[in-house]
C-alpha cells in the first residue's frame, strides 16, 4: 500500500523533486493566505498574530509570495520535463 502511494506521489510530481518542493511551497502558501480561517478552526483568535511574530512579516503576504514562487517553479520545471520527453 505504501509503495502504491509513493508511486502516485512520484507520478504527480513528474519524478521531479523540484516539482514536489513547489507543491509543498504552494500548500504552505495557501495555508498562510487563509491564516484567519485556520485561526478560527483552531479556536485561537491570536493565532495569526503569533504566526506573524514568529515569521516577522504578514502571513498573507508571505502566502502570496510562496504561491507565486511555486507556480513559477512548477511551470518552468514542467517546460523542461516536456522538452526532455520530446527529444
N, C-alpha and C. Protein backbone atom coordinates (compact mmCIF):
# COMPACT_ATOMS: atom_id res chain seq x y z
N UNK A 1 0.82 -1.19 0.00
CA UNK A 1 0.00 0.00 0.00
C UNK A 1 0.87 1.26 0.00
N UNK A 2 1.89 1.27 0.85
CA UNK A 2 2.78 2.42 0.91
C UNK A 2 3.51 2.61 -0.41
N UNK A 3 3.85 1.51 -1.05
CA UNK A 3 4.52 1.56 -2.35
C UNK A 3 3.61 2.21 -3.40
N UNK A 4 2.33 1.89 -3.35
CA UNK A 4 1.37 2.46 -4.31
C UNK A 4 1.20 3.96 -4.08
N UNK A 5 1.15 4.38 -2.83
CA UNK A 5 1.03 5.80 -2.52
C UNK A 5 2.27 6.55 -2.99
N UNK A 6 3.44 5.99 -2.72
CA UNK A 6 4.70 6.61 -3.15
C UNK A 6 4.74 6.72 -4.68
N UNK A 7 4.25 5.70 -5.38
CA UNK A 7 4.22 5.74 -6.84
C UNK A 7 3.31 6.84 -7.36
N UNK A 8 2.17 7.03 -6.73
CA UNK A 8 1.26 8.10 -7.13
C UNK A 8 1.88 9.47 -6.91
N UNK A 9 2.55 9.63 -5.77
CA UNK A 9 3.21 10.90 -5.50
C UNK A 9 4.31 11.19 -6.52
N UNK A 10 5.09 10.18 -6.85
CA UNK A 10 6.16 10.37 -7.83
C UNK A 10 5.59 10.72 -9.20
N UNK A 11 4.50 10.09 -9.59
CA UNK A 11 3.92 10.39 -10.90
C UNK A 11 3.27 11.77 -10.91
N UNK A 12 2.69 12.19 -9.78
CA UNK A 12 2.09 13.53 -9.70
C UNK A 12 3.15 14.62 -9.79
N UNK A 13 4.36 14.31 -9.36
CA UNK A 13 5.46 15.28 -9.40
C UNK A 13 6.32 15.12 -10.64
N UNK A 14 5.89 14.29 -11.57
CA UNK A 14 6.64 14.02 -12.80
C UNK A 14 8.06 13.59 -12.47
N UNK A 15 8.22 12.83 -11.40
CA UNK A 15 9.52 12.32 -10.94
C UNK A 15 10.55 13.43 -10.74
N UNK A 16 10.07 14.59 -10.29
CA UNK A 16 10.95 15.74 -10.10
C UNK A 16 10.84 16.23 -8.67
N UNK A 17 11.97 16.29 -7.99
CA UNK A 17 12.00 16.80 -6.63
C UNK A 17 11.67 18.29 -6.60
N UNK A 18 12.02 18.99 -7.66
CA UNK A 18 11.72 20.43 -7.75
C UNK A 18 10.21 20.66 -7.75
N UNK A 19 9.50 19.84 -8.49
CA UNK A 19 8.04 19.98 -8.53
C UNK A 19 7.44 19.59 -7.18
N UNK A 20 7.96 18.56 -6.55
CA UNK A 20 7.48 18.18 -5.22
C UNK A 20 7.68 19.32 -4.23
N UNK A 21 8.86 19.95 -4.28
CA UNK A 21 9.14 21.08 -3.39
C UNK A 21 8.17 22.24 -3.68
N UNK A 22 7.86 22.46 -4.95
CA UNK A 22 6.94 23.53 -5.32
C UNK A 22 5.53 23.25 -4.81
N UNK A 23 5.11 21.99 -4.86
CA UNK A 23 3.81 21.64 -4.29
C UNK A 23 3.77 21.93 -2.80
N UNK A 24 4.86 21.64 -2.12
CA UNK A 24 4.95 21.93 -0.68
C UNK A 24 4.88 23.43 -0.44
N UNK A 25 5.61 24.22 -1.24
CA UNK A 25 5.55 25.68 -1.12
C UNK A 25 4.13 26.19 -1.36
N UNK A 26 3.47 25.65 -2.37
CA UNK A 26 2.10 26.07 -2.68
C UNK A 26 1.16 25.74 -1.53
N UNK A 27 1.34 24.59 -0.92
CA UNK A 27 0.50 24.21 0.22
C UNK A 27 0.67 25.17 1.39
N UNK A 28 1.93 25.47 1.72
CA UNK A 28 2.17 26.43 2.80
C UNK A 28 1.69 27.82 2.42
N UNK A 29 1.82 28.18 1.15
CA UNK A 29 1.34 29.49 0.70
C UNK A 29 -0.16 29.64 0.86
N UNK A 30 -0.89 28.63 0.48
CA UNK A 30 -2.35 28.67 0.64
C UNK A 30 -2.72 28.71 2.12
N UNK A 31 -2.01 27.93 2.93
CA UNK A 31 -2.29 27.94 4.37
C UNK A 31 -2.06 29.33 4.97
N UNK A 32 -1.00 30.00 4.53
CA UNK A 32 -0.71 31.34 5.05
C UNK A 32 -1.74 32.36 4.57
N UNK A 33 -2.25 32.19 3.35
CA UNK A 33 -3.25 33.11 2.84
C UNK A 33 -4.57 33.00 3.60
N UNK A 34 -4.84 31.82 4.12
CA UNK A 34 -6.08 31.59 4.86
C UNK A 34 -5.81 31.46 6.35
N UNK A 35 -4.84 32.20 6.84
CA UNK A 35 -4.42 32.10 8.23
C UNK A 35 -5.57 32.46 9.19
N UNK A 36 -6.41 33.42 8.80
CA UNK A 36 -7.53 33.80 9.67
C UNK A 36 -8.53 32.65 9.81
N UNK A 37 -8.78 31.95 8.71
CA UNK A 37 -9.68 30.80 8.78
C UNK A 37 -9.08 29.68 9.62
N UNK A 38 -7.77 29.48 9.49
CA UNK A 38 -7.10 28.47 10.32
C UNK A 38 -7.16 28.85 11.79
N UNK A 39 -7.03 30.14 12.08
CA UNK A 39 -7.11 30.60 13.47
C UNK A 39 -8.50 30.30 14.04
N UNK A 40 -9.53 30.54 13.25
CA UNK A 40 -10.89 30.24 13.71
C UNK A 40 -11.07 28.74 13.91
N UNK A 41 -10.46 27.94 13.01
CA UNK A 41 -10.55 26.49 13.13
C UNK A 41 -9.90 26.00 14.42
N UNK A 42 -8.75 26.58 14.75
CA UNK A 42 -8.06 26.19 15.99
C UNK A 42 -8.67 26.83 17.23
N UNK A 43 -9.55 27.81 17.04
CA UNK A 43 -10.19 28.47 18.17
C UNK A 43 -9.25 29.43 18.91
N UNK A 44 -8.27 29.95 18.21
CA UNK A 44 -7.30 30.85 18.81
C UNK A 44 -7.30 32.15 18.03
N UNK A 45 -7.89 33.17 18.62
CA UNK A 45 -8.01 34.45 17.92
C UNK A 45 -6.66 35.11 17.68
N UNK A 46 -5.69 34.82 18.50
CA UNK A 46 -4.38 35.46 18.35
C UNK A 46 -3.40 34.60 17.55
N UNK A 47 -3.88 33.55 16.92
CA UNK A 47 -3.01 32.65 16.16
C UNK A 47 -2.30 33.38 15.03
N UNK A 48 -3.03 34.21 14.28
CA UNK A 48 -2.42 34.94 13.17
C UNK A 48 -1.33 35.88 13.69
N UNK A 49 -1.58 36.51 14.81
CA UNK A 49 -0.58 37.40 15.39
C UNK A 49 0.64 36.62 15.87
N UNK A 50 0.43 35.44 16.42
CA UNK A 50 1.54 34.61 16.86
C UNK A 50 2.41 34.18 15.67
N UNK A 51 1.76 33.79 14.59
CA UNK A 51 2.49 33.41 13.38
C UNK A 51 3.27 34.61 12.84
N UNK A 52 2.63 35.78 12.84
CA UNK A 52 3.30 36.98 12.36
C UNK A 52 4.52 37.31 13.22
N UNK A 53 4.43 37.11 14.51
CA UNK A 53 5.58 37.36 15.39
C UNK A 53 6.71 36.38 15.11
N UNK A 54 6.37 35.14 14.79
CA UNK A 54 7.39 34.13 14.53
C UNK A 54 8.11 34.39 13.21
N UNK A 55 7.34 34.65 12.14
CA UNK A 55 7.96 34.80 10.82
C UNK A 55 8.41 36.22 10.53
N UNK A 56 7.93 37.18 11.28
CA UNK A 56 8.38 38.55 11.14
C UNK A 56 7.76 39.35 10.01
N UNK A 57 6.73 38.83 9.39
CA UNK A 57 6.05 39.55 8.32
C UNK A 57 4.58 39.12 8.29
N UNK A 58 3.80 39.81 7.48
CA UNK A 58 2.38 39.48 7.36
C UNK A 58 2.23 38.11 6.71
N UNK A 59 1.53 37.17 7.35
CA UNK A 59 1.39 35.82 6.78
C UNK A 59 0.71 35.80 5.42
N UNK A 60 -0.22 36.71 5.18
CA UNK A 60 -0.92 36.70 3.89
C UNK A 60 0.01 37.11 2.76
N UNK A 61 0.89 38.07 3.02
CA UNK A 61 1.86 38.48 2.01
C UNK A 61 2.83 37.34 1.74
N UNK A 62 3.30 36.70 2.79
CA UNK A 62 4.18 35.55 2.64
C UNK A 62 3.49 34.43 1.86
N UNK A 63 2.22 34.21 2.15
CA UNK A 63 1.46 33.18 1.44
C UNK A 63 1.35 33.47 -0.04
N UNK A 64 1.12 34.72 -0.40
CA UNK A 64 1.05 35.07 -1.82
C UNK A 64 2.40 34.89 -2.49
N UNK A 65 3.46 35.28 -1.81
CA UNK A 65 4.81 35.12 -2.35
C UNK A 65 5.15 33.64 -2.56
N UNK A 66 4.84 32.80 -1.56
CA UNK A 66 5.11 31.37 -1.68
C UNK A 66 4.31 30.75 -2.83
N UNK A 67 3.05 31.13 -2.95
CA UNK A 67 2.21 30.58 -4.02
C UNK A 67 2.72 31.00 -5.39
N UNK A 68 3.10 32.27 -5.53
CA UNK A 68 3.62 32.75 -6.81
C UNK A 68 4.94 32.05 -7.15
N UNK A 69 5.80 31.90 -6.17
CA UNK A 69 7.07 31.21 -6.39
C UNK A 69 6.82 29.77 -6.82
N UNK A 70 5.87 29.11 -6.18
CA UNK A 70 5.56 27.72 -6.51
C UNK A 70 5.04 27.60 -7.94
N UNK A 71 4.15 28.49 -8.34
CA UNK A 71 3.58 28.44 -9.70
C UNK A 71 4.67 28.66 -10.74
N UNK A 72 5.52 29.65 -10.53
CA UNK A 72 6.60 29.93 -11.48
C UNK A 72 7.55 28.73 -11.57
N UNK A 73 7.89 28.14 -10.44
CA UNK A 73 8.80 27.00 -10.43
C UNK A 73 8.18 25.79 -11.12
N UNK A 74 6.93 25.50 -10.85
CA UNK A 74 6.26 24.36 -11.48
C UNK A 74 6.19 24.54 -12.99
N UNK A 75 5.80 25.72 -13.43
CA UNK A 75 5.67 25.97 -14.87
C UNK A 75 7.03 25.83 -15.56
N UNK A 76 8.05 26.43 -14.97
CA UNK A 76 9.36 26.35 -15.62
C UNK A 76 9.91 24.93 -15.61
N UNK A 77 9.70 24.18 -14.54
CA UNK A 77 10.19 22.81 -14.48
C UNK A 77 9.42 21.91 -15.43
N UNK A 78 8.11 22.10 -15.54
CA UNK A 78 7.33 21.29 -16.46
C UNK A 78 7.72 21.56 -17.90
N UNK A 79 8.09 22.79 -18.22
CA UNK A 79 8.59 23.08 -19.57
C UNK A 79 9.83 22.24 -19.85
N UNK A 80 10.71 22.14 -18.86
CA UNK A 80 11.93 21.33 -19.03
C UNK A 80 11.61 19.85 -19.16
N UNK A 81 10.67 19.37 -18.37
CA UNK A 81 10.30 17.95 -18.43
C UNK A 81 9.68 17.63 -19.79
N UNK A 82 8.80 18.47 -20.27
CA UNK A 82 8.14 18.25 -21.56
C UNK A 82 9.15 18.32 -22.69
N UNK A 83 10.07 19.27 -22.62
CA UNK A 83 11.10 19.39 -23.66
C UNK A 83 12.01 18.16 -23.67
N UNK A 84 12.33 17.63 -22.50
CA UNK A 84 13.19 16.44 -22.42
C UNK A 84 12.47 15.22 -22.99
N UNK A 85 11.18 15.12 -22.82
CA UNK A 85 10.43 13.97 -23.34
C UNK A 85 10.29 14.02 -24.86
N UNK A 86 10.26 15.23 -25.42
CA UNK A 86 10.12 15.38 -26.86
C UNK A 86 11.41 14.99 -27.59
N UNK A 87 12.55 15.21 -26.95
CA UNK A 87 13.80 14.93 -27.65
C UNK A 87 14.34 13.55 -27.36
